[in-house]
């Protein structure tokens, strides 16, 4: 019987056995990680439908890697690195459809105050204007909740580079949003 509190490693081991618990183990992994992957992909690609595609493709790659016997040190890092690569490939193929930031905004249904929505939209637009590498690092930190070390693992960059990108991204956001706050 699969326990929802099982570690990712235990869940993957249950999937490798391919017994009765394999499907339950996959469902637990899906429930645990799909939301983070989806939010990351939506923010990078600016498309909910492409974000959903990235979630499915990422988890398919996980299943294939498990079948091939791949050992995982850090499952969330593997998943986000895979999602990142899929997003980069989609962007290279120019399959990204740009939509208004409010179309991807998960907080729209929570807060209906027009002023808050307007401010949130300005923040999303300011994030969209960041250089791609700065935006990606910031999204991984803010929306995916990754630590600097985990961002390094996902992107393959060094810690000083990631710290610099996040610092620059936050500085640019402050500079672009400061006029809105002082109004």
N, C-alpha and C. Protein backbone atom coordinates (compact mmCIF):
# COMPACT_ATOMS: atom_id res chain seq x y z
N UNK A 1 0.85 -1.19 0.00
CA UNK A 1 0.00 0.00 0.00
C UNK A 1 0.88 1.24 0.00
N UNK A 2 0.59 2.18 -0.87
CA UNK A 2 1.37 3.41 -1.00
C UNK A 2 0.88 4.44 -0.01
N UNK A 3 1.82 5.02 0.70
CA UNK A 3 1.53 6.09 1.66
C UNK A 3 1.89 7.41 0.99
N UNK A 4 1.01 8.39 1.07
CA UNK A 4 1.25 9.69 0.43
C UNK A 4 2.49 10.38 1.00
N UNK A 5 2.91 9.99 2.18
CA UNK A 5 4.10 10.61 2.78
C UNK A 5 5.38 9.88 2.40
N UNK A 6 5.29 8.86 1.55
CA UNK A 6 6.48 8.14 1.10
C UNK A 6 7.42 9.08 0.37
N UNK A 7 8.70 8.81 0.46
CA UNK A 7 9.68 9.64 -0.24
C UNK A 7 9.58 9.38 -1.74
N UNK A 8 10.09 10.32 -2.52
CA UNK A 8 10.09 10.16 -3.98
C UNK A 8 10.84 8.88 -4.36
N UNK A 9 11.94 8.62 -3.68
CA UNK A 9 12.75 7.44 -3.98
C UNK A 9 11.93 6.15 -3.74
N UNK A 10 11.17 6.11 -2.63
CA UNK A 10 10.34 4.94 -2.35
C UNK A 10 9.24 4.78 -3.40
N UNK A 11 8.68 5.89 -3.83
CA UNK A 11 7.64 5.83 -4.85
C UNK A 11 8.20 5.31 -6.17
N UNK A 12 9.39 5.76 -6.52
CA UNK A 12 10.02 5.29 -7.76
C UNK A 12 10.34 3.81 -7.66
N UNK A 13 10.81 3.37 -6.50
CA UNK A 13 11.06 1.94 -6.30
C UNK A 13 9.77 1.13 -6.47
N UNK A 14 8.66 1.65 -5.96
CA UNK A 14 7.37 0.97 -6.12
C UNK A 14 6.96 0.91 -7.59
N UNK A 15 7.29 1.95 -8.34
CA UNK A 15 6.96 1.96 -9.77
C UNK A 15 7.83 0.97 -10.54
N UNK A 16 9.06 0.79 -10.11
CA UNK A 16 9.96 -0.15 -10.80
C UNK A 16 9.47 -1.59 -10.64
N UNK A 17 8.89 -1.91 -9.50
CA UNK A 17 8.39 -3.26 -9.25
C UNK A 17 7.21 -3.56 -10.16
N UNK A 18 6.48 -2.54 -10.56
CA UNK A 18 5.33 -2.63 -11.46
C UNK A 18 4.24 -3.56 -10.93
N UNK A 19 4.07 -3.57 -9.64
CA UNK A 19 2.98 -4.34 -9.05
C UNK A 19 1.73 -3.50 -8.95
N UNK A 20 0.88 -3.87 -8.02
CA UNK A 20 -0.38 -3.15 -7.83
C UNK A 20 -0.17 -1.71 -7.37
N UNK A 21 0.96 -1.46 -6.73
CA UNK A 21 1.20 -0.13 -6.18
C UNK A 21 1.83 0.84 -7.18
N UNK A 22 2.22 0.36 -8.36
CA UNK A 22 2.91 1.22 -9.32
C UNK A 22 2.06 2.42 -9.74
N UNK A 23 0.80 2.16 -10.05
CA UNK A 23 -0.08 3.26 -10.48
C UNK A 23 -0.33 4.24 -9.34
N UNK A 24 -0.54 3.72 -8.15
CA UNK A 24 -0.74 4.59 -6.98
C UNK A 24 0.50 5.43 -6.72
N UNK A 25 1.67 4.82 -6.86
CA UNK A 25 2.92 5.55 -6.64
C UNK A 25 3.06 6.68 -7.66
N UNK A 26 2.71 6.40 -8.92
CA UNK A 26 2.79 7.44 -9.94
C UNK A 26 1.81 8.57 -9.63
N UNK A 27 0.62 8.25 -9.18
CA UNK A 27 -0.37 9.28 -8.85
C UNK A 27 0.14 10.19 -7.73
N UNK A 28 0.80 9.60 -6.74
CA UNK A 28 1.34 10.40 -5.64
C UNK A 28 2.44 11.32 -6.17
N UNK A 29 3.34 10.78 -7.01
CA UNK A 29 4.39 11.62 -7.60
C UNK A 29 3.78 12.73 -8.45
N UNK A 30 2.77 12.38 -9.23
CA UNK A 30 2.09 13.37 -10.07
C UNK A 30 1.49 14.48 -9.20
N UNK A 31 0.74 14.09 -8.20
CA UNK A 31 0.10 15.08 -7.32
C UNK A 31 1.13 15.96 -6.62
N UNK A 32 2.25 15.38 -6.28
CA UNK A 32 3.28 16.10 -5.54
C UNK A 32 4.02 17.12 -6.41
N UNK A 33 4.24 16.81 -7.69
CA UNK A 33 5.13 17.63 -8.51
C UNK A 33 4.49 18.33 -9.70
N UNK A 34 3.32 17.90 -10.14
CA UNK A 34 2.72 18.46 -11.36
C UNK A 34 2.42 19.94 -11.23
N UNK A 35 1.95 20.38 -10.09
CA UNK A 35 1.60 21.79 -9.91
C UNK A 35 2.80 22.71 -10.07
N UNK A 36 3.92 22.32 -9.50
CA UNK A 36 5.14 23.13 -9.59
C UNK A 36 5.64 23.19 -11.03
N UNK A 37 5.61 22.05 -11.71
CA UNK A 37 6.06 22.00 -13.10
C UNK A 37 5.13 22.87 -13.96
N UNK A 38 3.84 22.74 -13.74
CA UNK A 38 2.86 23.49 -14.52
C UNK A 38 3.04 25.00 -14.34
N UNK A 39 3.16 25.43 -13.11
CA UNK A 39 3.33 26.86 -12.84
C UNK A 39 4.62 27.37 -13.49
N UNK A 40 5.70 26.62 -13.35
CA UNK A 40 6.97 27.01 -13.96
C UNK A 40 6.81 27.13 -15.49
N UNK A 41 6.25 26.09 -16.11
CA UNK A 41 6.12 26.09 -17.57
C UNK A 41 5.20 27.21 -18.06
N UNK A 42 4.11 27.45 -17.35
CA UNK A 42 3.20 28.55 -17.74
C UNK A 42 3.91 29.89 -17.66
N UNK A 43 4.71 30.09 -16.65
CA UNK A 43 5.42 31.36 -16.49
C UNK A 43 6.48 31.52 -17.57
N UNK A 44 7.17 30.45 -17.91
CA UNK A 44 8.22 30.53 -18.94
C UNK A 44 7.61 30.67 -20.33
N UNK A 45 6.61 29.87 -20.63
CA UNK A 45 6.03 29.84 -21.97
C UNK A 45 4.88 30.81 -22.16
N UNK A 46 4.32 31.30 -21.06
CA UNK A 46 3.18 32.22 -21.10
C UNK A 46 1.98 31.60 -21.80
N UNK A 47 1.78 30.32 -21.54
CA UNK A 47 0.67 29.61 -22.16
C UNK A 47 0.24 28.45 -21.26
N UNK A 48 -1.03 28.44 -20.90
CA UNK A 48 -1.53 27.36 -20.06
C UNK A 48 -1.55 26.03 -20.79
N UNK A 49 -1.94 26.02 -22.07
CA UNK A 49 -2.01 24.75 -22.80
C UNK A 49 -0.61 24.17 -23.02
N UNK A 50 0.36 25.02 -23.35
CA UNK A 50 1.72 24.52 -23.49
C UNK A 50 2.28 24.10 -22.14
N UNK A 51 1.89 24.79 -21.08
CA UNK A 51 2.31 24.39 -19.74
C UNK A 51 1.82 22.98 -19.41
N UNK A 52 0.57 22.69 -19.77
CA UNK A 52 0.02 21.35 -19.54
C UNK A 52 0.77 20.31 -20.37
N UNK A 53 1.12 20.66 -21.61
CA UNK A 53 1.91 19.75 -22.44
C UNK A 53 3.25 19.45 -21.80
N UNK A 54 3.88 20.47 -21.25
CA UNK A 54 5.18 20.29 -20.61
C UNK A 54 5.05 19.35 -19.40
N UNK A 55 3.99 19.51 -18.62
CA UNK A 55 3.78 18.61 -17.47
C UNK A 55 3.70 17.17 -17.94
N UNK A 56 2.89 16.92 -18.95
CA UNK A 56 2.71 15.54 -19.43
C UNK A 56 4.00 14.99 -20.01
N UNK A 57 4.70 15.79 -20.82
CA UNK A 57 5.95 15.32 -21.42
C UNK A 57 7.02 15.08 -20.36
N UNK A 58 7.06 15.94 -19.35
CA UNK A 58 8.05 15.79 -18.28
C UNK A 58 7.81 14.49 -17.51
N UNK A 59 6.56 14.23 -17.17
CA UNK A 59 6.27 13.02 -16.41
C UNK A 59 6.41 11.77 -17.27
N UNK A 60 6.18 11.89 -18.57
CA UNK A 60 6.45 10.77 -19.47
C UNK A 60 7.95 10.46 -19.49
N UNK A 61 8.77 11.50 -19.54
CA UNK A 61 10.22 11.30 -19.51
C UNK A 61 10.66 10.67 -18.19
N UNK A 62 10.00 11.02 -17.10
CA UNK A 62 10.29 10.38 -15.81
C UNK A 62 9.97 8.89 -15.89
N UNK A 63 8.80 8.55 -16.43
CA UNK A 63 8.43 7.14 -16.57
C UNK A 63 9.43 6.37 -17.42
N UNK A 64 9.86 6.98 -18.52
CA UNK A 64 10.84 6.33 -19.40
C UNK A 64 12.18 6.15 -18.69
N UNK A 65 12.58 7.16 -17.93
CA UNK A 65 13.84 7.07 -17.19
C UNK A 65 13.77 5.98 -16.12
N UNK A 66 12.63 5.87 -15.47
CA UNK A 66 12.45 4.81 -14.46
C UNK A 66 12.53 3.45 -15.14
N UNK A 67 11.86 3.31 -16.27
CA UNK A 67 11.89 2.04 -17.00
C UNK A 67 13.30 1.68 -17.44
N UNK A 68 14.10 2.71 -17.79
CA UNK A 68 15.47 2.47 -18.22
C UNK A 68 16.43 2.25 -17.06
N UNK A 69 15.93 2.34 -15.83
CA UNK A 69 16.77 2.07 -14.67
C UNK A 69 17.57 3.26 -14.16
N UNK A 70 17.22 4.46 -14.57
CA UNK A 70 17.93 5.66 -14.12
C UNK A 70 17.79 5.81 -12.61
N UNK A 71 18.89 6.11 -11.95
CA UNK A 71 18.88 6.39 -10.51
C UNK A 71 18.74 7.90 -10.33
N UNK A 72 17.96 8.31 -9.36
CA UNK A 72 17.68 9.72 -9.13
C UNK A 72 18.23 10.16 -7.78
N UNK A 73 19.05 11.19 -7.79
CA UNK A 73 19.51 11.80 -6.55
C UNK A 73 18.46 12.76 -6.02
N UNK A 74 17.86 13.53 -6.95
CA UNK A 74 16.93 14.58 -6.58
C UNK A 74 15.81 14.62 -7.62
N UNK A 75 14.69 14.01 -7.31
CA UNK A 75 13.59 13.91 -8.27
C UNK A 75 13.04 15.28 -8.68
N UNK A 76 12.79 16.21 -7.73
CA UNK A 76 12.29 17.52 -8.16
C UNK A 76 13.25 18.23 -9.12
N UNK A 77 14.55 18.11 -8.87
CA UNK A 77 15.53 18.74 -9.77
C UNK A 77 15.49 18.09 -11.15
N UNK A 78 15.37 16.76 -11.20
CA UNK A 78 15.27 16.07 -12.48
C UNK A 78 14.04 16.55 -13.24
N UNK A 79 12.91 16.65 -12.54
CA UNK A 79 11.67 17.06 -13.19
C UNK A 79 11.74 18.50 -13.70
N UNK A 80 12.26 19.40 -12.89
CA UNK A 80 12.33 20.80 -13.33
C UNK A 80 13.39 21.00 -14.42
N UNK A 81 14.48 20.25 -14.36
CA UNK A 81 15.48 20.33 -15.43
C UNK A 81 14.87 19.83 -16.74
N UNK A 82 14.12 18.74 -16.65
CA UNK A 82 13.45 18.20 -17.84
C UNK A 82 12.43 19.20 -18.37
N UNK A 83 11.63 19.77 -17.47
CA UNK A 83 10.64 20.78 -17.88
C UNK A 83 11.32 21.99 -18.50
N UNK A 84 12.42 22.40 -17.91
CA UNK A 84 13.18 23.55 -18.44
C UNK A 84 13.63 23.26 -19.87
N UNK A 85 14.20 22.08 -20.09
CA UNK A 85 14.68 21.73 -21.43
C UNK A 85 13.53 21.66 -22.43
N UNK A 86 12.40 21.12 -22.00
CA UNK A 86 11.24 21.09 -22.89
C UNK A 86 10.77 22.51 -23.23
N UNK A 87 10.75 23.38 -22.23
CA UNK A 87 10.36 24.78 -22.47
C UNK A 87 11.32 25.47 -23.43
N UNK A 88 12.62 25.25 -23.22
CA UNK A 88 13.61 25.85 -24.11
C UNK A 88 13.45 25.34 -25.54
N UNK A 89 13.19 24.05 -25.68
CA UNK A 89 12.97 23.49 -27.02
C UNK A 89 11.74 24.09 -27.68
N UNK A 90 10.67 24.27 -26.92
CA UNK A 90 9.46 24.88 -27.49
C UNK A 90 9.72 26.32 -27.91
N UNK A 91 10.47 27.04 -27.10
CA UNK A 91 10.78 28.43 -27.45
C UNK A 91 11.63 28.49 -28.71
N UNK A 92 12.58 27.56 -28.84
CA UNK A 92 13.45 27.53 -30.02
C UNK A 92 12.64 27.24 -31.28
N UNK A 93 11.64 26.39 -31.14
CA UNK A 93 10.81 26.05 -32.30
C UNK A 93 9.74 27.09 -32.56
N UNK A 94 9.77 28.17 -31.79
CA UNK A 94 8.80 29.26 -31.92
C UNK A 94 7.36 28.78 -31.81
N UNK A 95 7.14 27.82 -30.93
CA UNK A 95 5.78 27.34 -30.71
C UNK A 95 5.10 28.07 -29.57
N UNK A 96 5.77 29.06 -29.02
CA UNK A 96 5.21 29.76 -27.89
C UNK A 96 4.20 30.79 -28.37
N UNK A 97 3.01 30.72 -27.81
CA UNK A 97 1.96 31.69 -28.10
C UNK A 97 1.90 32.63 -26.91
N UNK A 98 2.16 33.91 -27.17
CA UNK A 98 2.16 34.87 -26.07
C UNK A 98 0.73 35.30 -25.77
N UNK A 99 0.41 35.27 -24.50
CA UNK A 99 -0.92 35.65 -24.04
C UNK A 99 -0.77 36.73 -23.00
N UNK A 100 -1.88 37.34 -22.66
CA UNK A 100 -1.85 38.36 -21.62
C UNK A 100 -1.49 37.71 -20.29
N UNK A 101 -0.71 38.39 -19.45
CA UNK A 101 -0.33 37.81 -18.17
C UNK A 101 -1.52 37.38 -17.32
N UNK A 102 -2.64 38.05 -17.45
CA UNK A 102 -3.79 37.68 -16.63
C UNK A 102 -4.34 36.30 -17.00
N UNK A 103 -4.04 35.81 -18.22
CA UNK A 103 -4.50 34.49 -18.63
C UNK A 103 -3.80 33.38 -17.85
N UNK A 104 -2.63 33.66 -17.31
CA UNK A 104 -1.85 32.66 -16.60
C UNK A 104 -1.87 32.93 -15.10
N UNK A 105 -2.52 33.98 -14.70
CA UNK A 105 -2.51 34.41 -13.30
C UNK A 105 -3.32 33.47 -12.42
N UNK A 106 -2.67 32.72 -11.52
CA UNK A 106 -3.41 31.80 -10.67
C UNK A 106 -4.17 32.50 -9.56
N UNK A 107 -3.92 33.78 -9.33
CA UNK A 107 -4.56 34.48 -8.22
C UNK A 107 -5.81 35.26 -8.64
N UNK A 108 -6.17 35.23 -9.93
CA UNK A 108 -7.32 36.01 -10.39
C UNK A 108 -8.60 35.69 -9.63
N UNK A 109 -8.83 34.41 -9.37
CA UNK A 109 -10.08 34.04 -8.72
C UNK A 109 -10.09 34.37 -7.23
N UNK A 110 -8.92 34.60 -6.65
CA UNK A 110 -8.83 34.85 -5.22
C UNK A 110 -9.08 36.31 -4.89
N UNK A 111 -8.51 37.19 -5.67
CA UNK A 111 -8.57 38.61 -5.33
C UNK A 111 -9.25 39.36 -6.47
N UNK A 112 -10.41 39.91 -6.23
CA UNK A 112 -11.13 40.62 -7.27
C UNK A 112 -10.97 42.12 -7.18
N UNK A 113 -10.20 42.59 -6.25
CA UNK A 113 -9.96 44.02 -6.10
C UNK A 113 -9.21 44.53 -7.32
N UNK A 114 -9.78 45.50 -8.03
CA UNK A 114 -9.20 45.99 -9.29
C UNK A 114 -7.80 46.55 -9.11
N UNK A 115 -7.56 47.24 -8.02
CA UNK A 115 -6.24 47.81 -7.79
C UNK A 115 -5.17 46.73 -7.61
N UNK A 116 -5.51 45.70 -6.87
CA UNK A 116 -4.57 44.60 -6.66
C UNK A 116 -4.30 43.86 -7.97
N UNK A 117 -5.35 43.63 -8.75
CA UNK A 117 -5.16 42.95 -10.03
C UNK A 117 -4.28 43.78 -10.95
N UNK A 118 -4.50 45.09 -10.95
CA UNK A 118 -3.70 45.98 -11.79
C UNK A 118 -2.23 45.93 -11.38
N UNK A 119 -1.98 45.98 -10.09
CA UNK A 119 -0.60 45.90 -9.60
C UNK A 119 0.02 44.56 -9.94
N UNK A 120 -0.75 43.49 -9.77
CA UNK A 120 -0.24 42.16 -10.09
C UNK A 120 0.09 42.05 -11.58
N UNK A 121 -0.75 42.62 -12.41
CA UNK A 121 -0.50 42.60 -13.85
C UNK A 121 0.78 43.37 -14.20
N UNK A 122 0.99 44.50 -13.52
CA UNK A 122 2.23 45.25 -13.74
C UNK A 122 3.45 44.43 -13.33
N UNK A 123 3.34 43.71 -12.24
CA UNK A 123 4.45 42.86 -11.79
C UNK A 123 4.73 41.78 -12.82
N UNK A 124 3.68 41.12 -13.32
CA UNK A 124 3.87 40.08 -14.33
C UNK A 124 4.49 40.64 -15.61
N UNK A 125 4.05 41.82 -16.01
CA UNK A 125 4.63 42.44 -17.21
C UNK A 125 6.09 42.80 -16.98
N UNK A 126 6.40 43.29 -15.78
CA UNK A 126 7.79 43.62 -15.46
C UNK A 126 8.65 42.36 -15.48
N UNK A 127 8.11 41.25 -14.99
CA UNK A 127 8.85 39.99 -15.04
C UNK A 127 9.05 39.56 -16.49
N UNK A 128 8.03 39.73 -17.32
CA UNK A 128 8.14 39.37 -18.74
C UNK A 128 9.21 40.18 -19.46
N UNK A 129 9.49 41.39 -18.99
CA UNK A 129 10.48 42.25 -19.65
C UNK A 129 11.91 41.94 -19.22
N UNK A 130 12.07 41.10 -18.22
CA UNK A 130 13.42 40.73 -17.77
C UNK A 130 14.11 39.91 -18.85
N UNK A 131 15.44 39.97 -18.90
CA UNK A 131 16.16 39.06 -19.81
C UNK A 131 15.80 37.61 -19.47
N UNK A 132 15.77 36.76 -20.48
CA UNK A 132 15.28 35.40 -20.33
C UNK A 132 15.97 34.65 -19.19
N UNK A 133 17.29 34.71 -19.11
CA UNK A 133 18.00 33.96 -18.07
C UNK A 133 17.72 34.50 -16.68
N UNK A 134 17.57 35.82 -16.55
CA UNK A 134 17.23 36.41 -15.26
C UNK A 134 15.80 36.02 -14.87
N UNK A 135 14.90 36.08 -15.84
CA UNK A 135 13.50 35.74 -15.58
C UNK A 135 13.38 34.28 -15.14
N UNK A 136 14.09 33.41 -15.84
CA UNK A 136 14.02 31.98 -15.51
C UNK A 136 14.49 31.72 -14.08
N UNK A 137 15.62 32.30 -13.69
CA UNK A 137 16.14 32.10 -12.33
C UNK A 137 15.15 32.63 -11.29
N UNK A 138 14.59 33.79 -11.56
CA UNK A 138 13.63 34.39 -10.62
C UNK A 138 12.36 33.54 -10.51
N UNK A 139 11.87 33.04 -11.62
CA UNK A 139 10.67 32.20 -11.60
C UNK A 139 10.94 30.91 -10.83
N UNK A 140 12.12 30.33 -11.04
CA UNK A 140 12.45 29.11 -10.30
C UNK A 140 12.49 29.37 -8.80
N UNK A 141 12.94 30.56 -8.41
CA UNK A 141 13.00 30.88 -6.99
C UNK A 141 11.61 31.23 -6.44
N UNK A 142 10.92 32.15 -7.10
CA UNK A 142 9.66 32.65 -6.56
C UNK A 142 8.47 31.71 -6.77
N UNK A 143 8.33 31.17 -7.96
CA UNK A 143 7.15 30.37 -8.27
C UNK A 143 7.35 28.88 -8.04
N UNK A 144 8.58 28.39 -8.28
CA UNK A 144 8.83 26.96 -8.04
C UNK A 144 9.35 26.72 -6.64
N UNK A 145 9.75 27.78 -5.95
CA UNK A 145 10.19 27.65 -4.56
C UNK A 145 11.52 26.95 -4.38
N UNK A 146 12.38 27.01 -5.39
CA UNK A 146 13.67 26.33 -5.30
C UNK A 146 14.70 27.18 -4.58
N UNK A 147 15.64 26.51 -3.94
CA UNK A 147 16.77 27.19 -3.31
C UNK A 147 17.79 27.51 -4.40
N UNK A 148 18.78 28.32 -4.05
CA UNK A 148 19.84 28.64 -5.01
C UNK A 148 20.52 27.36 -5.50
N UNK A 149 20.82 26.44 -4.59
CA UNK A 149 21.50 25.20 -4.97
C UNK A 149 20.64 24.38 -5.93
N UNK A 150 19.33 24.33 -5.69
CA UNK A 150 18.45 23.58 -6.58
C UNK A 150 18.35 24.26 -7.95
N UNK A 151 18.36 25.57 -7.97
CA UNK A 151 18.34 26.29 -9.25
C UNK A 151 19.61 25.99 -10.03
N UNK A 152 20.74 25.94 -9.33
CA UNK A 152 22.01 25.57 -9.98
C UNK A 152 21.91 24.19 -10.61
N UNK A 153 21.32 23.26 -9.87
CA UNK A 153 21.19 21.90 -10.37
C UNK A 153 20.28 21.83 -11.59
N UNK A 154 19.20 22.58 -11.57
CA UNK A 154 18.25 22.58 -12.69
C UNK A 154 18.86 23.22 -13.93
N UNK A 155 19.54 24.35 -13.75
CA UNK A 155 20.04 25.11 -14.90
C UNK A 155 21.45 24.71 -15.33
N UNK A 156 22.19 24.06 -14.44
CA UNK A 156 23.57 23.70 -14.75
C UNK A 156 24.54 24.86 -14.60
N UNK A 157 24.10 25.93 -13.96
CA UNK A 157 24.95 27.11 -13.75
C UNK A 157 25.55 27.08 -12.35
N UNK A 158 26.58 27.90 -12.15
CA UNK A 158 27.24 27.97 -10.85
C UNK A 158 26.43 28.83 -9.88
N UNK A 159 26.71 28.67 -8.59
CA UNK A 159 26.00 29.44 -7.57
C UNK A 159 26.19 30.94 -7.74
N UNK A 160 27.42 31.44 -7.98
CA UNK A 160 27.57 32.89 -8.17
C UNK A 160 26.76 33.43 -9.36
N UNK A 161 26.68 32.65 -10.42
CA UNK A 161 25.92 33.08 -11.60
C UNK A 161 24.43 33.19 -11.25
N UNK A 162 23.91 32.19 -10.56
CA UNK A 162 22.49 32.20 -10.18
C UNK A 162 22.20 33.34 -9.22
N UNK A 163 23.06 33.54 -8.23
CA UNK A 163 22.86 34.65 -7.29
C UNK A 163 22.84 35.98 -8.03
N UNK A 164 23.76 36.13 -8.98
CA UNK A 164 23.85 37.37 -9.76
C UNK A 164 22.57 37.58 -10.58
N UNK A 165 22.11 36.53 -11.24
CA UNK A 165 20.90 36.65 -12.08
C UNK A 165 19.68 37.02 -11.25
N UNK A 166 19.53 36.39 -10.11
CA UNK A 166 18.36 36.69 -9.26
C UNK A 166 18.48 38.09 -8.69
N UNK A 167 19.67 38.46 -8.29
CA UNK A 167 19.88 39.81 -7.75
C UNK A 167 19.57 40.87 -8.81
N UNK A 168 20.07 40.66 -10.01
CA UNK A 168 19.80 41.60 -11.11
C UNK A 168 18.32 41.65 -11.45
N UNK A 169 17.69 40.49 -11.46
CA UNK A 169 16.26 40.44 -11.77
C UNK A 169 15.46 41.23 -10.75
N UNK A 170 15.76 41.03 -9.47
CA UNK A 170 15.05 41.76 -8.42
C UNK A 170 15.33 43.26 -8.49
N UNK A 171 16.57 43.61 -8.81
CA UNK A 171 16.93 45.02 -8.94
C UNK A 171 16.15 45.66 -10.09
N UNK A 172 16.07 44.97 -11.22
CA UNK A 172 15.32 45.50 -12.37
C UNK A 172 13.83 45.61 -12.05
N UNK A 173 13.31 44.63 -11.33
CA UNK A 173 11.90 44.70 -10.94
C UNK A 173 11.65 45.90 -10.03
N UNK A 174 12.53 46.10 -9.05
CA UNK A 174 12.39 47.26 -8.16
C UNK A 174 12.39 48.55 -8.96
N UNK A 175 13.34 48.67 -9.88
CA UNK A 175 13.46 49.89 -10.68
C UNK A 175 12.23 50.12 -11.56
N UNK A 176 11.68 49.06 -12.12
CA UNK A 176 10.53 49.24 -13.01
C UNK A 176 9.22 49.41 -12.24
N UNK A 177 9.14 48.89 -11.02
CA UNK A 177 7.90 48.97 -10.25
C UNK A 177 7.88 50.13 -9.27
N UNK A 178 9.02 50.70 -8.96
CA UNK A 178 9.09 51.79 -7.99
C UNK A 178 8.19 52.96 -8.37
N UNK A 179 8.13 53.38 -9.64
CA UNK A 179 7.23 54.48 -10.00
C UNK A 179 5.76 54.17 -9.69
N UNK A 180 5.35 52.92 -9.78
CA UNK A 180 3.96 52.56 -9.47
C UNK A 180 3.66 52.70 -7.98
N UNK A 181 4.63 52.37 -7.17
CA UNK A 181 4.43 52.42 -5.72
C UNK A 181 4.42 53.85 -5.22
N UNK A 182 5.21 54.71 -5.84
CA UNK A 182 5.31 56.09 -5.38
C UNK A 182 4.19 56.97 -5.91
N UNK A 183 3.37 56.45 -6.82
CA UNK A 183 2.27 57.25 -7.38
C UNK A 183 1.21 57.53 -6.36
